[in-house]
């Protein structure tokens, strides 16, 4: 049983969706989201790879695939959030029937190691630089950690999830500066539509290197 502990006074931030998503922090200051910063600072190689894929499948089909992935991801996240909060969520749509088994795999194989839940869908920000929402803050395998859920159309290799680790580091840095914590670990819990579960960890020994890489992306974003 996961222990729910309301240790920190998490506050909801107003989110503004646009080409660059922003969050409004105290005083009305708007900060770019972590995901927007990552998207806007992708390497040319990655951008070209995405364009090549769109050309290969066609713009219309690419948009359809992207939209369906977003809907599946939203439903899967909702299943997981309500599970953590010990609430009930029913989605009997076609999307829900895809998402629920994926969420169940993450629950069985990933959340089994979550010992304490400090917050779910937590809004965080690093003053003056960025903001975002992490799926979970809590104790994972005995360590204070950031946990993020991901859905994927097909299994990923470790070298393909670099930006996901940057996200974990970004949220950990924000939590540490806001609440004077020392979070240096995180985990990505991922499931594909054919119910293949994967776990990718942000390890303590790589935390500072990943933090530096993330801050370089932030600097690149504001310099452009």
N, C-alpha and C. Protein backbone atom coordinates (compact mmCIF):
# COMPACT_ATOMS: atom_id res chain seq x y z
N UNK A 1 0.84 -1.19 0.00
CA UNK A 1 0.00 0.00 0.00
C UNK A 1 0.88 1.26 0.00
N UNK A 2 0.61 2.15 -0.92
CA UNK A 2 1.36 3.40 -1.01
C UNK A 2 0.85 4.37 0.06
N UNK A 3 1.78 4.92 0.84
CA UNK A 3 1.41 5.90 1.86
C UNK A 3 1.30 7.28 1.23
N UNK A 4 0.17 7.95 1.44
CA UNK A 4 -0.01 9.31 0.95
C UNK A 4 0.39 10.28 2.05
N UNK A 5 1.39 11.10 1.78
CA UNK A 5 1.88 12.06 2.77
C UNK A 5 1.88 13.47 2.18
N UNK A 6 1.07 14.34 2.75
CA UNK A 6 1.00 15.73 2.28
C UNK A 6 2.04 16.57 3.02
N UNK A 7 3.29 16.45 2.57
CA UNK A 7 4.40 17.10 3.26
C UNK A 7 4.60 18.54 2.80
N UNK A 8 4.45 18.77 1.50
CA UNK A 8 4.78 20.09 0.93
C UNK A 8 3.53 20.79 0.40
N UNK A 9 3.50 22.13 0.54
CA UNK A 9 2.32 22.90 0.10
C UNK A 9 2.32 23.18 -1.41
N UNK A 10 2.07 22.14 -2.18
CA UNK A 10 2.06 22.30 -3.63
C UNK A 10 0.89 23.20 -4.05
N UNK A 11 1.17 24.11 -5.00
CA UNK A 11 0.14 25.01 -5.49
C UNK A 11 -0.06 24.81 -6.99
N UNK A 12 -1.31 24.95 -7.41
CA UNK A 12 -1.61 24.84 -8.83
C UNK A 12 -1.27 26.15 -9.53
N UNK A 13 -0.62 26.05 -10.68
CA UNK A 13 -0.27 27.22 -11.48
C UNK A 13 -1.17 27.29 -12.70
N UNK A 14 -1.50 28.50 -13.11
CA UNK A 14 -2.31 28.67 -14.32
C UNK A 14 -1.46 28.34 -15.54
N UNK A 15 -1.98 27.46 -16.40
CA UNK A 15 -1.27 27.05 -17.60
C UNK A 15 -1.86 27.74 -18.83
N UNK A 16 -0.98 28.22 -19.68
CA UNK A 16 -1.40 28.86 -20.92
C UNK A 16 -0.83 28.06 -22.10
N UNK A 17 -1.73 27.49 -22.90
CA UNK A 17 -1.29 26.69 -24.03
C UNK A 17 -1.16 27.54 -25.28
N UNK A 18 -0.10 27.34 -26.01
CA UNK A 18 0.14 28.05 -27.26
C UNK A 18 1.30 27.37 -27.94
N UNK A 19 1.95 28.04 -28.88
CA UNK A 19 3.12 27.45 -29.52
C UNK A 19 4.16 27.12 -28.46
N UNK A 20 4.33 28.04 -27.50
CA UNK A 20 5.16 27.79 -26.33
C UNK A 20 4.25 27.81 -25.11
N UNK A 21 4.11 26.67 -24.46
CA UNK A 21 3.28 26.58 -23.26
C UNK A 21 3.96 27.32 -22.12
N UNK A 22 3.18 28.07 -21.36
CA UNK A 22 3.73 28.77 -20.20
C UNK A 22 2.88 28.50 -18.97
N UNK A 23 3.48 28.74 -17.81
CA UNK A 23 2.78 28.68 -16.53
C UNK A 23 2.95 30.03 -15.85
N UNK A 24 1.88 30.48 -15.19
CA UNK A 24 1.95 31.73 -14.44
C UNK A 24 2.31 31.43 -12.99
N UNK A 25 3.42 32.00 -12.55
CA UNK A 25 3.85 31.81 -11.17
C UNK A 25 3.36 32.99 -10.33
N UNK A 26 3.75 33.00 -9.07
CA UNK A 26 3.32 34.08 -8.18
C UNK A 26 3.76 35.43 -8.75
N UNK A 27 2.85 36.39 -8.70
CA UNK A 27 3.16 37.69 -9.25
C UNK A 27 2.80 37.81 -10.72
N UNK A 28 2.25 36.72 -11.30
CA UNK A 28 1.81 36.76 -12.69
C UNK A 28 2.91 36.57 -13.71
N UNK A 29 4.11 36.22 -13.26
CA UNK A 29 5.21 36.01 -14.20
C UNK A 29 4.99 34.72 -14.98
N UNK A 30 5.15 34.79 -16.30
CA UNK A 30 4.96 33.61 -17.15
C UNK A 30 6.30 32.96 -17.46
N UNK A 31 6.36 31.66 -17.21
CA UNK A 31 7.58 30.90 -17.48
C UNK A 31 7.30 29.80 -18.49
N UNK A 32 8.23 29.60 -19.41
CA UNK A 32 8.09 28.54 -20.41
C UNK A 32 8.10 27.18 -19.74
N UNK A 33 7.32 26.25 -20.31
CA UNK A 33 7.25 24.90 -19.75
C UNK A 33 8.50 24.09 -20.12
N UNK A 34 8.76 23.10 -19.32
CA UNK A 34 9.89 22.20 -19.57
C UNK A 34 9.76 21.53 -20.93
N UNK A 35 8.56 21.05 -21.24
CA UNK A 35 8.36 20.35 -22.51
C UNK A 35 8.52 21.29 -23.71
N UNK A 36 8.08 22.53 -23.56
CA UNK A 36 8.25 23.50 -24.65
C UNK A 36 9.72 23.82 -24.88
N UNK A 37 10.47 23.98 -23.80
CA UNK A 37 11.90 24.25 -23.92
C UNK A 37 12.60 23.10 -24.64
N UNK A 38 12.25 21.88 -24.27
CA UNK A 38 12.86 20.71 -24.93
C UNK A 38 12.49 20.65 -26.40
N UNK A 39 11.23 20.93 -26.70
CA UNK A 39 10.77 20.89 -28.09
C UNK A 39 11.46 21.96 -28.95
N UNK A 40 11.59 23.15 -28.39
CA UNK A 40 12.16 24.27 -29.14
C UNK A 40 13.68 24.17 -29.30
N UNK A 41 14.32 23.33 -28.51
CA UNK A 41 15.79 23.24 -28.55
C UNK A 41 16.28 21.88 -29.04
N UNK A 42 15.43 21.16 -29.75
CA UNK A 42 15.83 19.87 -30.33
C UNK A 42 17.00 20.07 -31.29
N UNK A 43 17.79 19.03 -31.44
CA UNK A 43 18.89 19.08 -32.40
C UNK A 43 18.32 19.10 -33.82
N UNK A 44 19.10 19.62 -34.76
CA UNK A 44 18.67 19.65 -36.15
C UNK A 44 18.44 18.23 -36.67
N UNK A 45 19.25 17.30 -36.20
CA UNK A 45 19.11 15.90 -36.61
C UNK A 45 17.75 15.34 -36.19
N UNK A 46 17.35 15.66 -34.95
CA UNK A 46 16.07 15.17 -34.45
C UNK A 46 14.91 15.83 -35.19
N UNK A 47 15.03 17.14 -35.45
CA UNK A 47 13.99 17.85 -36.20
C UNK A 47 13.84 17.27 -37.60
N UNK A 48 14.99 16.99 -38.24
CA UNK A 48 14.97 16.44 -39.59
C UNK A 48 14.37 15.05 -39.61
N UNK A 49 14.67 14.26 -38.57
CA UNK A 49 14.11 12.92 -38.47
C UNK A 49 12.59 12.96 -38.39
N UNK A 50 12.06 13.94 -37.63
CA UNK A 50 10.62 14.11 -37.50
C UNK A 50 10.00 14.52 -38.83
N UNK A 51 10.66 15.43 -39.54
CA UNK A 51 10.16 15.87 -40.84
C UNK A 51 10.18 14.73 -41.85
N UNK A 52 11.22 13.93 -41.81
CA UNK A 52 11.31 12.77 -42.72
C UNK A 52 10.18 11.78 -42.46
N UNK A 53 9.87 11.57 -41.17
CA UNK A 53 8.77 10.66 -40.80
C UNK A 53 7.44 11.19 -41.31
N UNK A 54 7.22 12.51 -41.17
CA UNK A 54 5.97 13.11 -41.65
C UNK A 54 5.82 12.94 -43.16
N UNK A 55 6.93 13.11 -43.87
CA UNK A 55 6.88 12.95 -45.33
C UNK A 55 6.61 11.49 -45.71
N UNK A 56 7.18 10.58 -44.92
CA UNK A 56 7.05 9.16 -45.21
C UNK A 56 5.61 8.68 -45.02
N UNK A 57 4.97 9.10 -43.92
CA UNK A 57 3.60 8.62 -43.64
C UNK A 57 2.54 9.58 -44.17
N UNK A 58 2.95 10.81 -44.48
CA UNK A 58 2.00 11.82 -44.93
C UNK A 58 1.57 12.72 -43.79
N UNK A 59 1.40 14.01 -44.07
CA UNK A 59 1.07 14.99 -43.03
C UNK A 59 -0.23 14.63 -42.30
N UNK A 60 -1.23 14.21 -43.06
CA UNK A 60 -2.54 13.90 -42.47
C UNK A 60 -2.44 12.71 -41.52
N UNK A 61 -1.76 11.65 -41.96
CA UNK A 61 -1.61 10.45 -41.14
C UNK A 61 -0.75 10.74 -39.92
N UNK A 62 0.29 11.55 -40.10
CA UNK A 62 1.18 11.92 -38.98
C UNK A 62 0.39 12.65 -37.90
N UNK A 63 -0.48 13.56 -38.31
CA UNK A 63 -1.29 14.32 -37.36
C UNK A 63 -2.27 13.39 -36.63
N UNK A 64 -2.82 12.43 -37.37
CA UNK A 64 -3.75 11.45 -36.78
C UNK A 64 -3.04 10.60 -35.73
N UNK A 65 -1.83 10.13 -36.06
CA UNK A 65 -1.04 9.31 -35.13
C UNK A 65 -0.69 10.12 -33.88
N UNK A 66 -0.27 11.36 -34.08
CA UNK A 66 0.10 12.25 -32.98
C UNK A 66 -1.08 12.51 -32.05
N UNK A 67 -2.25 12.79 -32.63
CA UNK A 67 -3.44 13.08 -31.82
C UNK A 67 -3.90 11.87 -31.03
N UNK A 68 -3.83 10.69 -31.67
CA UNK A 68 -4.25 9.47 -30.96
C UNK A 68 -3.30 9.18 -29.81
N UNK A 69 -2.01 9.37 -30.03
CA UNK A 69 -1.02 9.15 -28.97
C UNK A 69 -1.29 10.08 -27.79
N UNK A 70 -1.64 11.33 -28.08
CA UNK A 70 -1.94 12.29 -27.01
C UNK A 70 -3.16 11.86 -26.21
N UNK A 71 -4.20 11.37 -26.90
CA UNK A 71 -5.42 10.93 -26.22
C UNK A 71 -5.16 9.70 -25.36
N UNK A 72 -4.40 8.75 -25.90
CA UNK A 72 -4.05 7.54 -25.13
C UNK A 72 -3.23 7.93 -23.91
N UNK A 73 -2.26 8.82 -24.10
CA UNK A 73 -1.43 9.26 -22.99
C UNK A 73 -2.23 9.95 -21.90
N UNK A 74 -3.17 10.79 -22.29
CA UNK A 74 -4.02 11.50 -21.32
C UNK A 74 -4.86 10.51 -20.52
N UNK A 75 -5.47 9.55 -21.21
CA UNK A 75 -6.30 8.55 -20.52
C UNK A 75 -5.46 7.68 -19.60
N UNK A 76 -4.29 7.25 -20.07
CA UNK A 76 -3.40 6.43 -19.25
C UNK A 76 -2.99 7.17 -17.98
N UNK A 77 -2.63 8.45 -18.14
CA UNK A 77 -2.25 9.27 -16.99
C UNK A 77 -3.41 9.39 -16.00
N UNK A 78 -4.61 9.55 -16.51
CA UNK A 78 -5.78 9.70 -15.63
C UNK A 78 -6.02 8.41 -14.85
N UNK A 79 -5.88 7.27 -15.51
CA UNK A 79 -6.00 5.98 -14.81
C UNK A 79 -4.99 5.90 -13.67
N UNK A 80 -3.76 6.30 -13.95
CA UNK A 80 -2.69 6.20 -12.95
C UNK A 80 -2.88 7.20 -11.82
N UNK A 81 -3.29 8.41 -12.16
CA UNK A 81 -3.51 9.43 -11.14
C UNK A 81 -4.61 9.02 -10.17
N UNK A 82 -5.72 8.50 -10.71
CA UNK A 82 -6.83 8.11 -9.83
C UNK A 82 -6.45 6.88 -8.99
N UNK A 83 -5.64 5.98 -9.56
CA UNK A 83 -5.15 4.84 -8.78
C UNK A 83 -4.35 5.33 -7.58
N UNK A 84 -3.44 6.27 -7.81
CA UNK A 84 -2.58 6.77 -6.74
C UNK A 84 -3.38 7.48 -5.66
N UNK A 85 -4.43 8.19 -6.07
CA UNK A 85 -5.26 8.94 -5.12
C UNK A 85 -6.38 8.08 -4.55
N UNK A 86 -6.36 6.79 -4.91
CA UNK A 86 -7.34 5.82 -4.43
C UNK A 86 -8.76 6.23 -4.79
N UNK A 87 -8.89 6.72 -6.04
CA UNK A 87 -10.19 7.09 -6.59
C UNK A 87 -10.52 6.16 -7.74
N UNK A 88 -11.70 6.30 -8.29
CA UNK A 88 -12.12 5.43 -9.39
C UNK A 88 -12.25 6.25 -10.68
N UNK A 89 -11.80 5.65 -11.77
CA UNK A 89 -11.91 6.31 -13.07
C UNK A 89 -12.32 5.27 -14.10
N UNK A 90 -13.35 5.57 -14.85
CA UNK A 90 -13.84 4.65 -15.88
C UNK A 90 -13.82 5.38 -17.22
N UNK A 91 -13.14 4.78 -18.19
CA UNK A 91 -13.12 5.31 -19.55
C UNK A 91 -13.42 4.15 -20.49
N UNK A 92 -14.68 4.07 -20.91
CA UNK A 92 -15.12 2.95 -21.74
C UNK A 92 -15.04 3.25 -23.24
N UNK A 93 -14.32 4.33 -23.58
CA UNK A 93 -14.14 4.65 -25.00
C UNK A 93 -13.09 3.71 -25.60
N UNK A 94 -12.95 3.75 -26.91
CA UNK A 94 -11.92 2.96 -27.58
C UNK A 94 -10.53 3.34 -27.06
N UNK A 95 -10.33 4.63 -26.82
CA UNK A 95 -9.05 5.12 -26.29
C UNK A 95 -8.82 4.56 -24.89
N UNK A 96 -9.87 4.59 -24.07
CA UNK A 96 -9.77 4.07 -22.71
C UNK A 96 -9.44 2.60 -22.66
N UNK A 97 -9.97 1.84 -23.63
CA UNK A 97 -9.70 0.40 -23.66
C UNK A 97 -8.26 0.10 -24.06
N UNK A 98 -7.62 1.04 -24.73
CA UNK A 98 -6.18 0.90 -25.03
C UNK A 98 -5.36 1.32 -23.81
N UNK A 99 -5.78 2.42 -23.18
CA UNK A 99 -4.98 3.03 -22.11
C UNK A 99 -5.00 2.25 -20.79
N UNK A 100 -6.16 1.67 -20.44
CA UNK A 100 -6.25 1.01 -19.13
C UNK A 100 -5.25 -0.14 -18.97
N UNK A 101 -5.13 -1.08 -19.94
CA UNK A 101 -4.14 -2.16 -19.77
C UNK A 101 -2.71 -1.63 -19.68
N UNK A 102 -2.42 -0.53 -20.37
CA UNK A 102 -1.10 0.08 -20.27
C UNK A 102 -0.85 0.60 -18.86
N UNK A 103 -1.86 1.29 -18.31
CA UNK A 103 -1.76 1.79 -16.94
C UNK A 103 -1.58 0.64 -15.95
N UNK A 104 -2.31 -0.44 -16.18
CA UNK A 104 -2.22 -1.60 -15.28
C UNK A 104 -0.82 -2.21 -15.27
N UNK A 105 -0.16 -2.22 -16.44
CA UNK A 105 1.22 -2.73 -16.51
C UNK A 105 2.15 -1.84 -15.67
N UNK A 106 1.97 -0.54 -15.77
CA UNK A 106 2.80 0.39 -14.99
C UNK A 106 2.54 0.22 -13.50
N UNK A 107 1.28 0.01 -13.13
CA UNK A 107 0.94 -0.21 -11.72
C UNK A 107 1.61 -1.48 -11.20
N UNK A 108 1.48 -2.57 -11.97
CA UNK A 108 1.99 -3.88 -11.52
C UNK A 108 3.52 -3.93 -11.49
N UNK A 109 4.16 -3.31 -12.49
CA UNK A 109 5.60 -3.50 -12.64
C UNK A 109 6.43 -2.27 -12.25
N UNK A 110 5.78 -1.12 -12.14
CA UNK A 110 6.53 0.10 -11.81
C UNK A 110 6.15 0.71 -10.49
N UNK A 111 4.86 0.91 -10.27
CA UNK A 111 4.42 1.58 -9.04
C UNK A 111 4.50 0.68 -7.81
N UNK A 112 4.80 -0.59 -8.03
CA UNK A 112 4.99 -1.50 -6.90
C UNK A 112 6.14 -1.03 -6.01
N UNK A 113 7.06 -0.25 -6.58
CA UNK A 113 8.22 0.24 -5.82
C UNK A 113 8.04 1.65 -5.28
N UNK A 114 6.85 2.24 -5.49
CA UNK A 114 6.56 3.56 -4.93
C UNK A 114 6.07 3.38 -3.50
N UNK A 115 6.83 3.88 -2.54
CA UNK A 115 6.50 3.68 -1.13
C UNK A 115 5.68 4.82 -0.54
N UNK A 116 6.00 6.05 -0.95
CA UNK A 116 5.27 7.22 -0.45
C UNK A 116 4.89 8.13 -1.61
N UNK A 117 3.69 8.66 -1.55
CA UNK A 117 3.23 9.65 -2.53
C UNK A 117 3.15 11.00 -1.83
N UNK A 118 3.99 11.95 -2.27
CA UNK A 118 3.94 13.30 -1.72
C UNK A 118 3.02 14.19 -2.53
N UNK A 119 2.90 13.88 -3.81
CA UNK A 119 2.03 14.68 -4.66
C UNK A 119 1.86 14.04 -6.03
N UNK A 120 0.70 14.26 -6.63
CA UNK A 120 0.40 13.75 -7.98
C UNK A 120 0.02 14.93 -8.86
N UNK A 121 0.52 14.93 -10.11
CA UNK A 121 0.30 16.05 -11.02
C UNK A 121 0.74 17.36 -10.34
N UNK A 122 1.98 17.38 -9.94
CA UNK A 122 2.53 18.49 -9.16
C UNK A 122 3.08 19.58 -10.09
N UNK A 123 2.61 20.80 -9.89
CA UNK A 123 3.13 21.95 -10.63
C UNK A 123 4.37 22.48 -9.91
N UNK A 124 5.44 22.62 -10.68
CA UNK A 124 6.71 23.08 -10.12
C UNK A 124 7.31 24.17 -11.01
N UNK A 125 8.14 25.01 -10.44
CA UNK A 125 8.84 25.99 -11.26
C UNK A 125 10.19 26.34 -10.64
N UNK A 126 11.11 26.70 -11.51
CA UNK A 126 12.42 27.20 -11.09
C UNK A 126 12.36 28.70 -11.31
N UNK A 127 12.41 29.49 -10.25
CA UNK A 127 12.18 30.93 -10.37
C UNK A 127 12.96 31.59 -11.51
N UNK A 128 12.20 32.28 -12.37
CA UNK A 128 12.79 33.04 -13.45
C UNK A 128 13.17 32.26 -14.69
N UNK A 129 13.07 30.92 -14.63
CA UNK A 129 13.58 30.11 -15.75
C UNK A 129 12.53 29.22 -16.43
N UNK A 130 11.85 28.36 -15.67
CA UNK A 130 10.95 27.41 -16.31
C UNK A 130 9.94 26.86 -15.30
N UNK A 131 8.93 26.18 -15.82
CA UNK A 131 7.90 25.56 -14.98
C UNK A 131 7.41 24.29 -15.67
N UNK A 132 6.61 23.52 -14.96
CA UNK A 132 6.08 22.30 -15.56
C UNK A 132 5.29 21.47 -14.57
N UNK A 133 4.83 20.32 -15.04
CA UNK A 133 4.04 19.40 -14.22
C UNK A 133 4.69 18.03 -14.23
N UNK A 134 4.99 17.53 -13.06
CA UNK A 134 5.50 16.16 -12.97
C UNK A 134 4.39 15.25 -12.46
N UNK A 135 4.42 14.01 -12.89
CA UNK A 135 3.34 13.09 -12.54
C UNK A 135 3.34 12.72 -11.06
N UNK A 136 4.53 12.49 -10.51
CA UNK A 136 4.61 12.04 -9.12
C UNK A 136 5.86 12.59 -8.44
N UNK A 137 5.68 13.02 -7.21
CA UNK A 137 6.82 13.26 -6.31
C UNK A 137 6.59 12.35 -5.11
N UNK A 138 7.62 11.62 -4.72
CA UNK A 138 7.46 10.72 -3.59
C UNK A 138 8.72 9.94 -3.30
N UNK A 139 8.57 8.84 -2.61
CA UNK A 139 9.71 7.98 -2.27
C UNK A 139 9.62 6.72 -3.12
N UNK A 140 10.65 6.51 -3.95
CA UNK A 140 10.69 5.36 -4.85
C UNK A 140 11.93 4.54 -4.52
N UNK A 141 11.72 3.30 -4.17
CA UNK A 141 12.82 2.41 -3.76
C UNK A 141 13.68 3.05 -2.67
N UNK A 142 13.01 3.67 -1.71
CA UNK A 142 13.70 4.21 -0.55
C UNK A 142 14.29 5.60 -0.73
N UNK A 143 14.16 6.20 -1.93
CA UNK A 143 14.78 7.51 -2.18
C UNK A 143 13.74 8.53 -2.65
N UNK A 144 13.82 9.77 -2.13
CA UNK A 144 12.95 10.83 -2.67
C UNK A 144 13.20 10.95 -4.16
N UNK A 145 12.14 10.92 -4.95
CA UNK A 145 12.30 10.85 -6.41
C UNK A 145 11.20 11.58 -7.15
N UNK A 146 11.52 11.89 -8.40
CA UNK A 146 10.54 12.37 -9.37
C UNK A 146 10.17 11.17 -10.24
N UNK A 147 8.87 10.98 -10.47
CA UNK A 147 8.42 9.86 -11.30
C UNK A 147 7.55 10.41 -12.42
N UNK A 148 7.84 10.01 -13.64
CA UNK A 148 7.04 10.43 -14.79
C UNK A 148 6.56 9.21 -15.57
N UNK A 149 5.31 9.28 -16.03
CA UNK A 149 4.71 8.21 -16.82
C UNK A 149 4.79 8.57 -18.31
N UNK A 150 5.09 7.58 -19.13
CA UNK A 150 5.15 7.80 -20.57
C UNK A 150 4.46 6.65 -21.31
N UNK A 151 3.71 7.01 -22.35
CA UNK A 151 3.17 5.99 -23.25
C UNK A 151 3.99 6.06 -24.53
N UNK A 152 4.09 4.93 -25.21
CA UNK A 152 4.86 4.90 -26.45
C UNK A 152 4.20 3.94 -27.44
N UNK A 153 4.38 4.24 -28.72
CA UNK A 153 3.84 3.35 -29.74
C UNK A 153 4.68 2.09 -29.89
N UNK A 154 5.97 2.21 -29.57
CA UNK A 154 6.85 1.05 -29.64
C UNK A 154 7.94 1.20 -28.57
N UNK A 155 8.55 0.09 -28.13
CA UNK A 155 9.58 0.15 -27.08
C UNK A 155 10.73 1.08 -27.46
N UNK A 156 11.36 1.65 -26.43
CA UNK A 156 12.45 2.61 -26.62
C UNK A 156 13.78 2.01 -26.16
N UNK A 157 14.86 2.51 -26.75
CA UNK A 157 16.20 2.19 -26.29
C UNK A 157 16.65 3.28 -25.31
N UNK A 158 17.59 2.94 -24.44
CA UNK A 158 18.09 3.89 -23.44
C UNK A 158 18.56 5.19 -24.08
N UNK A 159 19.24 5.09 -25.21
CA UNK A 159 19.80 6.29 -25.85
C UNK A 159 18.72 7.18 -26.48
N UNK A 160 17.49 6.70 -26.53
CA UNK A 160 16.41 7.50 -27.12
C UNK A 160 15.65 8.33 -26.08
N UNK A 161 15.94 8.13 -24.80
CA UNK A 161 15.14 8.79 -23.76
C UNK A 161 15.90 9.90 -23.04
N UNK A 162 16.90 10.46 -23.71
CA UNK A 162 17.70 11.51 -23.09
C UNK A 162 16.88 12.71 -22.64
N UNK A 163 15.91 13.14 -23.47
CA UNK A 163 15.08 14.29 -23.10
C UNK A 163 14.18 13.98 -21.91
N UNK A 164 13.77 12.73 -21.78
CA UNK A 164 12.94 12.36 -20.63
C UNK A 164 13.74 12.48 -19.33
N UNK A 165 15.02 12.14 -19.39
CA UNK A 165 15.87 12.29 -18.20
C UNK A 165 16.09 13.76 -17.89
N UNK A 166 16.19 14.59 -18.92
CA UNK A 166 16.31 16.03 -18.70
C UNK A 166 15.08 16.55 -17.97
N UNK A 167 13.91 16.03 -18.33
CA UNK A 167 12.67 16.42 -17.64
C UNK A 167 12.75 16.09 -16.15
N UNK A 168 13.18 14.88 -15.84
CA UNK A 168 13.28 14.46 -14.44
C UNK A 168 14.21 15.40 -13.67
N UNK A 169 15.36 15.71 -14.26
CA UNK A 169 16.32 16.59 -13.61
C UNK A 169 15.74 17.99 -13.42
N UNK A 170 15.02 18.48 -14.43
CA UNK A 170 14.41 19.81 -14.35
C UNK A 170 13.42 19.89 -13.19
N UNK A 171 12.59 18.88 -13.06
CA UNK A 171 11.60 18.88 -11.98
C UNK A 171 12.26 18.71 -10.61
N UNK A 172 13.29 17.89 -10.55
CA UNK A 172 14.01 17.71 -9.29
C UNK A 172 14.66 19.03 -8.85
N UNK A 173 15.31 19.73 -9.79
CA UNK A 173 15.93 21.02 -9.48
C UNK A 173 14.90 22.02 -8.98
N UNK A 174 13.74 22.07 -9.64
CA UNK A 174 12.69 23.00 -9.24
C UNK A 174 12.17 22.67 -7.85
N UNK A 175 11.94 21.38 -7.59
CA UNK A 175 11.44 20.96 -6.27
C UNK A 175 12.46 21.31 -5.19
N UNK A 176 13.73 21.07 -5.49
CA UNK A 176 14.78 21.32 -4.49
C UNK A 176 14.88 22.80 -4.12
N UNK A 177 14.74 23.67 -5.12
CA UNK A 177 14.88 25.11 -4.82
C UNK A 177 13.61 25.67 -4.16
N UNK A 178 12.45 25.11 -4.49
CA UNK A 178 11.20 25.59 -3.90
C UNK A 178 11.00 25.11 -2.47
N UNK A 179 11.41 23.85 -2.22
CA UNK A 179 11.07 23.24 -0.93
C UNK A 179 12.28 22.79 -0.13
N UNK A 180 13.48 23.21 -0.56
CA UNK A 180 14.72 22.90 0.16
C UNK A 180 14.89 21.40 0.36
N UNK A 181 14.62 20.64 -0.72
CA UNK A 181 14.82 19.19 -0.68
C UNK A 181 16.14 18.85 -1.38
N UNK A 182 16.47 17.58 -1.40
CA UNK A 182 17.71 17.13 -2.05
C UNK A 182 17.43 15.93 -2.95
N UNK A 183 16.45 16.09 -3.84
CA UNK A 183 16.09 15.00 -4.76
C UNK A 183 17.13 14.91 -5.87
N UNK A 184 17.73 13.75 -6.02
CA UNK A 184 18.75 13.55 -7.07
C UNK A 184 18.49 12.28 -7.90
N UNK A 185 17.30 11.71 -7.76
CA UNK A 185 16.96 10.51 -8.53
C UNK A 185 15.56 10.65 -9.12
N UNK A 186 15.33 9.88 -10.15
CA UNK A 186 14.01 9.88 -10.77
C UNK A 186 13.84 8.63 -11.61
N UNK A 187 12.62 8.41 -12.06
CA UNK A 187 12.34 7.21 -12.85
C UNK A 187 11.25 7.49 -13.86
N UNK A 188 11.43 6.96 -15.06
CA UNK A 188 10.43 7.02 -16.11
C UNK A 188 9.78 5.64 -16.20
N UNK A 189 8.48 5.59 -16.03
CA UNK A 189 7.74 4.34 -16.15
C UNK A 189 6.96 4.39 -17.46
N UNK A 190 7.28 3.50 -18.36
CA UNK A 190 6.76 3.57 -19.73
C UNK A 190 6.10 2.26 -20.14
N UNK A 191 5.03 2.41 -20.92
CA UNK A 191 4.38 1.21 -21.47
C UNK A 191 3.96 1.47 -22.91
N UNK A 192 4.17 0.47 -23.76
CA UNK A 192 3.75 0.58 -25.16
C UNK A 192 2.33 0.03 -25.30
N UNK A 193 1.76 0.25 -26.45
CA UNK A 193 0.37 -0.19 -26.66
C UNK A 193 0.23 -1.70 -26.67
N UNK A 194 1.33 -2.41 -26.96
CA UNK A 194 1.25 -3.87 -26.87
C UNK A 194 1.65 -4.36 -25.47
N UNK A 195 1.59 -3.41 -24.51
CA UNK A 195 1.75 -3.70 -23.08
C UNK A 195 3.17 -4.13 -22.70
N UNK A 196 4.14 -3.56 -23.39
CA UNK A 196 5.54 -3.83 -23.06
C UNK A 196 6.01 -2.74 -22.10
N UNK A 197 6.33 -3.13 -20.87
CA UNK A 197 6.72 -2.18 -19.83
C UNK A 197 8.23 -1.95 -19.83
N UNK A 198 8.62 -0.68 -19.65
CA UNK A 198 10.03 -0.34 -19.52
C UNK A 198 10.22 0.68 -18.40
N UNK A 199 11.40 0.62 -17.79
CA UNK A 199 11.74 1.58 -16.73
C UNK A 199 13.12 2.17 -17.03
N UNK A 200 13.20 3.48 -17.00
CA UNK A 200 14.47 4.17 -17.22
C UNK A 200 14.73 5.06 -16.01
N UNK A 201 15.91 4.94 -15.44
CA UNK A 201 16.21 5.66 -14.20
C UNK A 201 17.18 6.82 -14.39
N UNK A 202 16.91 7.90 -13.67
CA UNK A 202 17.88 8.98 -13.49
C UNK A 202 18.61 8.63 -12.20
N UNK A 203 19.88 8.23 -12.34
CA UNK A 203 20.64 7.77 -11.18
C UNK A 203 21.37 8.92 -10.50
N UNK A 204 21.60 8.72 -9.21
CA UNK A 204 22.24 9.77 -8.41
C UNK A 204 23.59 10.19 -8.99
N UNK A 205 24.36 9.22 -9.49
CA UNK A 205 25.70 9.53 -9.98
C UNK A 205 25.70 10.31 -11.30
N UNK A 206 24.58 10.33 -12.00
CA UNK A 206 24.51 11.09 -13.25
C UNK A 206 23.68 12.37 -13.11
N UNK A 207 23.14 12.60 -11.93
CA UNK A 207 22.21 13.72 -11.73
C UNK A 207 22.80 15.06 -12.12
N UNK A 208 23.99 15.40 -11.61
CA UNK A 208 24.55 16.72 -11.88
C UNK A 208 24.92 16.90 -13.35
N UNK A 209 25.37 15.83 -13.98
CA UNK A 209 25.67 15.91 -15.42
C UNK A 209 24.41 16.20 -16.22
N UNK A 210 23.32 15.53 -15.86
CA UNK A 210 22.05 15.74 -16.56
C UNK A 210 21.51 17.14 -16.26
N UNK A 211 21.69 17.61 -15.04
CA UNK A 211 21.27 18.97 -14.69
C UNK A 211 21.99 20.01 -15.54
N UNK A 212 23.29 19.82 -15.72
CA UNK A 212 24.08 20.75 -16.55
C UNK A 212 23.59 20.73 -17.99
N UNK A 213 23.28 19.53 -18.49
CA UNK A 213 22.77 19.41 -19.86
C UNK A 213 21.42 20.12 -19.99
N UNK A 214 20.59 19.98 -18.97
CA UNK A 214 19.29 20.65 -18.99
C UNK A 214 19.45 22.17 -18.97
N UNK A 215 20.31 22.69 -18.12
CA UNK A 215 20.49 24.14 -18.05
C UNK A 215 21.09 24.69 -19.34
N UNK A 216 21.84 23.88 -20.04
CA UNK A 216 22.35 24.29 -21.36
C UNK A 216 21.21 24.45 -22.35
N UNK A 217 20.23 23.56 -22.26
CA UNK A 217 19.05 23.66 -23.13
C UNK A 217 18.22 24.91 -22.78
N UNK A 218 18.13 25.20 -21.49
CA UNK A 218 17.40 26.40 -21.05
C UNK A 218 18.09 27.65 -21.60
N UNK A 219 19.41 27.69 -21.49
CA UNK A 219 20.18 28.83 -22.00
C UNK A 219 19.99 28.97 -23.52
N UNK A 220 20.00 27.85 -24.21
CA UNK A 220 19.80 27.86 -25.68
C UNK A 220 18.42 28.41 -26.02
N UNK A 221 17.42 28.02 -25.24
CA UNK A 221 16.05 28.48 -25.48
C UNK A 221 15.95 30.00 -25.35
N UNK A 222 16.50 30.54 -24.28
CA UNK A 222 16.40 31.99 -24.06
C UNK A 222 17.32 32.80 -24.95
N UNK A 223 18.32 32.14 -25.54
CA UNK A 223 19.24 32.83 -26.44
C UNK A 223 18.69 32.91 -27.86
N UNK A 224 17.70 32.07 -28.16
CA UNK A 224 17.18 32.01 -29.54
C UNK A 224 16.12 33.08 -29.79
